[in-house]
């Protein structure tokens, strides 16, 4: 989930989400053809932000399977900040929160536990 205050993205919403998705997929080696991303544009007066950030403050929350290394996470953080610069988002205006879950805590592909499915990628990176 990507959250911003206001509608400063305008017609670039999908491109912005694609940038985030491609960056996550490239960083973690997950399939690029299975995007699940959503953009929430909060009314400016309903999204309190840290006082030291700009109008394009972007909060990214990623739910992922537990198992990525600290180095993989650091690489993701850097890659997202670099990728969002193309959308005029300052590095200090990006906050990334990872929410890790065990594969047995996710149901997919017809109601199967993710731990019982060949995901097609490696979680331990």
C-alpha atoms as a PDB file:
ATOM      1  CA  UNK A   1       0.000   0.000   0.000  1.00  0.00           C
ATOM      2  CA  UNK A   2       1.277   3.413  -0.960  1.00  0.00           C
ATOM      3  CA  UNK A   3      -0.133   6.413   0.902  1.00  0.00           C
ATOM      4  CA  UNK A   4       0.184  10.076  -0.007  1.00  0.00           C
ATOM      5  CA  UNK A   5      -1.544  13.283   1.047  1.00  0.00           C
ATOM      6  CA  UNK A   6      -3.523  14.953  -1.693  1.00  0.00           C
ATOM      7  CA  UNK A   7      -3.732  14.166  -5.370  1.00  0.00           C
ATOM      8  CA  UNK A   8      -0.357  15.479  -6.521  1.00  0.00           C
ATOM      9  CA  UNK A   9       0.208  12.386  -8.660  1.00  0.00           C
ATOM     10  CA  UNK A  10      -2.610  13.351 -11.022  1.00  0.00           C
ATOM     11  CA  UNK A  11      -2.580  11.143 -14.115  1.00  0.00           C
ATOM     12  CA  UNK A  12       0.659   9.446 -13.014  1.00  0.00           C
ATOM     13  CA  UNK A  13      -0.988   7.223 -10.384  1.00  0.00           C
ATOM     14  CA  UNK A  14      -0.594   3.937 -12.252  1.00  0.00           C
ATOM     15  CA  UNK A  15       2.951   4.777 -13.339  1.00  0.00           C
ATOM     16  CA  UNK A  16       3.834   5.568  -9.713  1.00  0.00           C
ATOM     17  CA  UNK A  17       2.416   2.236  -8.494  1.00  0.00           C
ATOM     18  CA  UNK A  18       4.216   0.393 -11.296  1.00  0.00           C
ATOM     19  CA  UNK A  19       7.476   2.032 -10.212  1.00  0.00           C
ATOM     20  CA  UNK A  20       6.976   0.815  -6.655  1.00  0.00           C
ATOM     21  CA  UNK A  21       5.981  -2.688  -7.772  1.00  0.00           C
ATOM     22  CA  UNK A  22       8.882  -3.093 -10.236  1.00  0.00           C
ATOM     23  CA  UNK A  23      11.329  -1.913  -7.596  1.00  0.00           C
ATOM     24  CA  UNK A  24      10.058  -4.377  -4.998  1.00  0.00           C
ATOM     25  CA  UNK A  25      10.008  -7.229  -7.529  1.00  0.00           C
ATOM     26  CA  UNK A  26      13.513  -6.392  -8.709  1.00  0.00           C
ATOM     27  CA  UNK A  27      14.868  -6.112  -5.196  1.00  0.00           C
ATOM     28  CA  UNK A  28      13.325  -9.321  -3.851  1.00  0.00           C
ATOM     29  CA  UNK A  29      13.180 -11.406  -7.034  1.00  0.00           C
ATOM     30  CA  UNK A  30       9.409 -11.765  -6.976  1.00  0.00           C
ATOM     31  CA  UNK A  31       7.372 -12.041 -10.195  1.00  0.00           C
ATOM     32  CA  UNK A  32       6.820  -8.773 -12.020  1.00  0.00           C
ATOM     33  CA  UNK A  33       3.658 -10.145 -13.601  1.00  0.00           C
ATOM     34  CA  UNK A  34       1.860 -10.601 -10.257  1.00  0.00           C
ATOM     35  CA  UNK A  35       1.419  -7.049  -9.004  1.00  0.00           C
ATOM     36  CA  UNK A  36      -0.715  -6.358  -5.977  1.00  0.00           C
ATOM     37  CA  UNK A  37      -0.440  -2.711  -5.066  1.00  0.00           C
ATOM     38  CA  UNK A  38      -2.839   0.000  -4.085  1.00  0.00           C
ATOM     39  CA  UNK A  39      -2.607   3.730  -3.794  1.00  0.00           C
ATOM     40  CA  UNK A  40      -4.427   5.650  -1.101  1.00  0.00           C
ATOM     41  CA  UNK A  41      -4.631   9.401  -1.630  1.00  0.00           C
ATOM     42  CA  UNK A  42      -5.708  10.903   1.667  1.00  0.00           C
ATOM     43  CA  UNK A  43      -7.297  14.339   1.816  1.00  0.00           C
ATOM     44  CA  UNK A  44      -4.500  16.616   3.002  1.00  0.00           C
ATOM     45  CA  UNK A  45      -6.313  17.481   6.228  1.00  0.00           C
ATOM     46  CA  UNK A  46      -6.756  13.796   7.168  1.00  0.00           C
ATOM     47  CA  UNK A  47      -3.163  12.608   6.898  1.00  0.00           C
ATOM     48  CA  UNK A  48      -0.854  13.871   9.605  1.00  0.00           C
ATOM     49  CA  UNK A  49       2.785  13.760   8.550  1.00  0.00           C
ATOM     50  CA  UNK A  50       6.069  14.337  10.317  1.00  0.00           C
ATOM     51  CA  UNK A  51       6.841  18.049  10.452  1.00  0.00           C
ATOM     52  CA  UNK A  52      10.173  17.696   8.647  1.00  0.00           C
ATOM     53  CA  UNK A  53       8.772  16.232   5.404  1.00  0.00           C
ATOM     54  CA  UNK A  54       7.483  17.839   2.236  1.00  0.00           C
ATOM     55  CA  UNK A  55       4.147  17.791   0.443  1.00  0.00           C
ATOM     56  CA  UNK A  56       5.066  14.586  -1.390  1.00  0.00           C
ATOM     57  CA  UNK A  57       5.634  12.513   1.721  1.00  0.00           C
ATOM     58  CA  UNK A  58       5.065   8.912   0.666  1.00  0.00           C
ATOM     59  CA  UNK A  59       4.470   6.041   3.069  1.00  0.00           C
ATOM     60  CA  UNK A  60       4.914   2.575   1.605  1.00  0.00           C
ATOM     61  CA  UNK A  61       3.751  -0.462   3.554  1.00  0.00           C
ATOM     62  CA  UNK A  62       4.760  -3.824   2.132  1.00  0.00           C
ATOM     63  CA  UNK A  63       3.372  -7.123   3.389  1.00  0.00           C
ATOM     64  CA  UNK A  64       5.828  -9.875   2.587  1.00  0.00           C
ATOM     65  CA  UNK A  65       6.827 -13.360   3.583  1.00  0.00           C
ATOM     66  CA  UNK A  66       9.293 -13.507   6.442  1.00  0.00           C
ATOM     67  CA  UNK A  67      12.817 -14.456   5.410  1.00  0.00           C
ATOM     68  CA  UNK A  68      14.494 -11.549   3.625  1.00  0.00           C
ATOM     69  CA  UNK A  69      17.919 -10.639   4.955  1.00  0.00           C
ATOM     70  CA  UNK A  70      18.720  -7.262   6.450  1.00  0.00           C
ATOM     71  CA  UNK A  71      20.948  -6.546   3.451  1.00  0.00           C
ATOM     72  CA  UNK A  72      18.074  -7.327   1.033  1.00  0.00           C
ATOM     73  CA  UNK A  73      15.842  -4.960   2.995  1.00  0.00           C
ATOM     74  CA  UNK A  74      18.474  -2.216   2.969  1.00  0.00           C
ATOM     75  CA  UNK A  75      18.852  -2.642  -0.782  1.00  0.00           C
ATOM     76  CA  UNK A  76      15.081  -2.327  -1.183  1.00  0.00           C
ATOM     77  CA  UNK A  77      14.972   0.874   0.880  1.00  0.00           C
ATOM     78  CA  UNK A  78      17.717   2.463  -1.240  1.00  0.00           C
ATOM     79  CA  UNK A  79      16.177   1.275  -4.516  1.00  0.00           C
ATOM     80  CA  UNK A  80      12.738   2.665  -3.648  1.00  0.00           C
ATOM     81  CA  UNK A  81      14.139   6.054  -2.682  1.00  0.00           C
ATOM     82  CA  UNK A  82      16.114   6.179  -5.941  1.00  0.00           C
ATOM     83  CA  UNK A  83      13.122   5.071  -8.032  1.00  0.00           C
ATOM     84  CA  UNK A  84      10.753   7.604  -6.473  1.00  0.00           C
ATOM     85  CA  UNK A  85      13.161  10.431  -7.250  1.00  0.00           C
ATOM     86  CA  UNK A  86      11.890  10.147 -10.848  1.00  0.00           C
ATOM     87  CA  UNK A  87       8.499  11.210  -9.457  1.00  0.00           C
ATOM     88  CA  UNK A  88      10.036  14.193  -7.648  1.00  0.00           C
ATOM     89  CA  UNK A  89       9.787  12.581  -4.219  1.00  0.00           C
ATOM     90  CA  UNK A  90      12.693  13.692  -2.031  1.00  0.00           C
ATOM     91  CA  UNK A  91      14.620  10.908  -0.254  1.00  0.00           C
ATOM     92  CA  UNK A  92      13.650  12.260   3.168  1.00  0.00           C
ATOM     93  CA  UNK A  93       9.973  12.140   2.127  1.00  0.00           C
ATOM     94  CA  UNK A  94       9.910   8.334   1.796  1.00  0.00           C
ATOM     95  CA  UNK A  95       8.976   6.042   4.677  1.00  0.00           C
ATOM     96  CA  UNK A  96       8.953   2.295   4.081  1.00  0.00           C
ATOM     97  CA  UNK A  97       7.392  -0.145   6.538  1.00  0.00           C
ATOM     98  CA  UNK A  98       7.750  -3.902   6.066  1.00  0.00           C
ATOM     99  CA  UNK A  99       5.149  -6.184   7.634  1.00  0.00           C
ATOM    100  CA  UNK A 100       6.453  -9.737   7.618  1.00  0.00           C
ATOM    101  CA  UNK A 101       4.212 -12.794   7.802  1.00  0.00           C
ATOM    102  CA  UNK A 102       4.901 -16.518   7.698  1.00  0.00           C
ATOM    103  CA  UNK A 103       3.887 -18.308   4.467  1.00  0.00           C
ATOM    104  CA  UNK A 104       1.404 -20.406   6.420  1.00  0.00           C
ATOM    105  CA  UNK A 105      -0.421 -17.190   7.318  1.00  0.00           C
ATOM    106  CA  UNK A 106      -1.364 -16.431   3.693  1.00  0.00           C
ATOM    107  CA  UNK A 107      -3.980 -18.194   1.596  1.00  0.00           C
ATOM    108  CA  UNK A 108      -3.807 -17.989  -2.196  1.00  0.00           C
ATOM    109  CA  UNK A 109      -4.297 -19.851  -5.477  1.00  0.00           C
ATOM    110  CA  UNK A 110      -7.611 -21.414  -4.657  1.00  0.00           C
ATOM    111  CA  UNK A 111      -7.409 -21.305  -0.878  1.00  0.00           C
ATOM    112  CA  UNK A 112      -4.063 -23.013  -0.388  1.00  0.00           C
ATOM    113  CA  UNK A 113      -1.606 -22.005   2.296  1.00  0.00           C
ATOM    114  CA  UNK A 114       1.351 -20.273   0.654  1.00  0.00           C
ATOM    115  CA  UNK A 115       3.715 -22.713   2.386  1.00  0.00           C
ATOM    116  CA  UNK A 116       2.068 -25.534   0.363  1.00  0.00           C
ATOM    117  CA  UNK A 117       2.488 -23.839  -3.017  1.00  0.00           C
ATOM    118  CA  UNK A 118       5.473 -23.472  -5.343  1.00  0.00           C
ATOM    119  CA  UNK A 119       5.615 -19.687  -5.432  1.00  0.00           C
ATOM    120  CA  UNK A 120       8.133 -19.637  -8.252  1.00  0.00           C
ATOM    121  CA  UNK A 121      10.644 -17.563  -6.312  1.00  0.00           C
ATOM    122  CA  UNK A 122      12.908 -17.805  -3.311  1.00  0.00           C
ATOM    123  CA  UNK A 123      11.915 -16.084  -0.068  1.00  0.00           C
ATOM    124  CA  UNK A 124      15.308 -16.374   1.625  1.00  0.00           C
ATOM    125  CA  UNK A 125      17.292 -13.593  -0.131  1.00  0.00           C
END
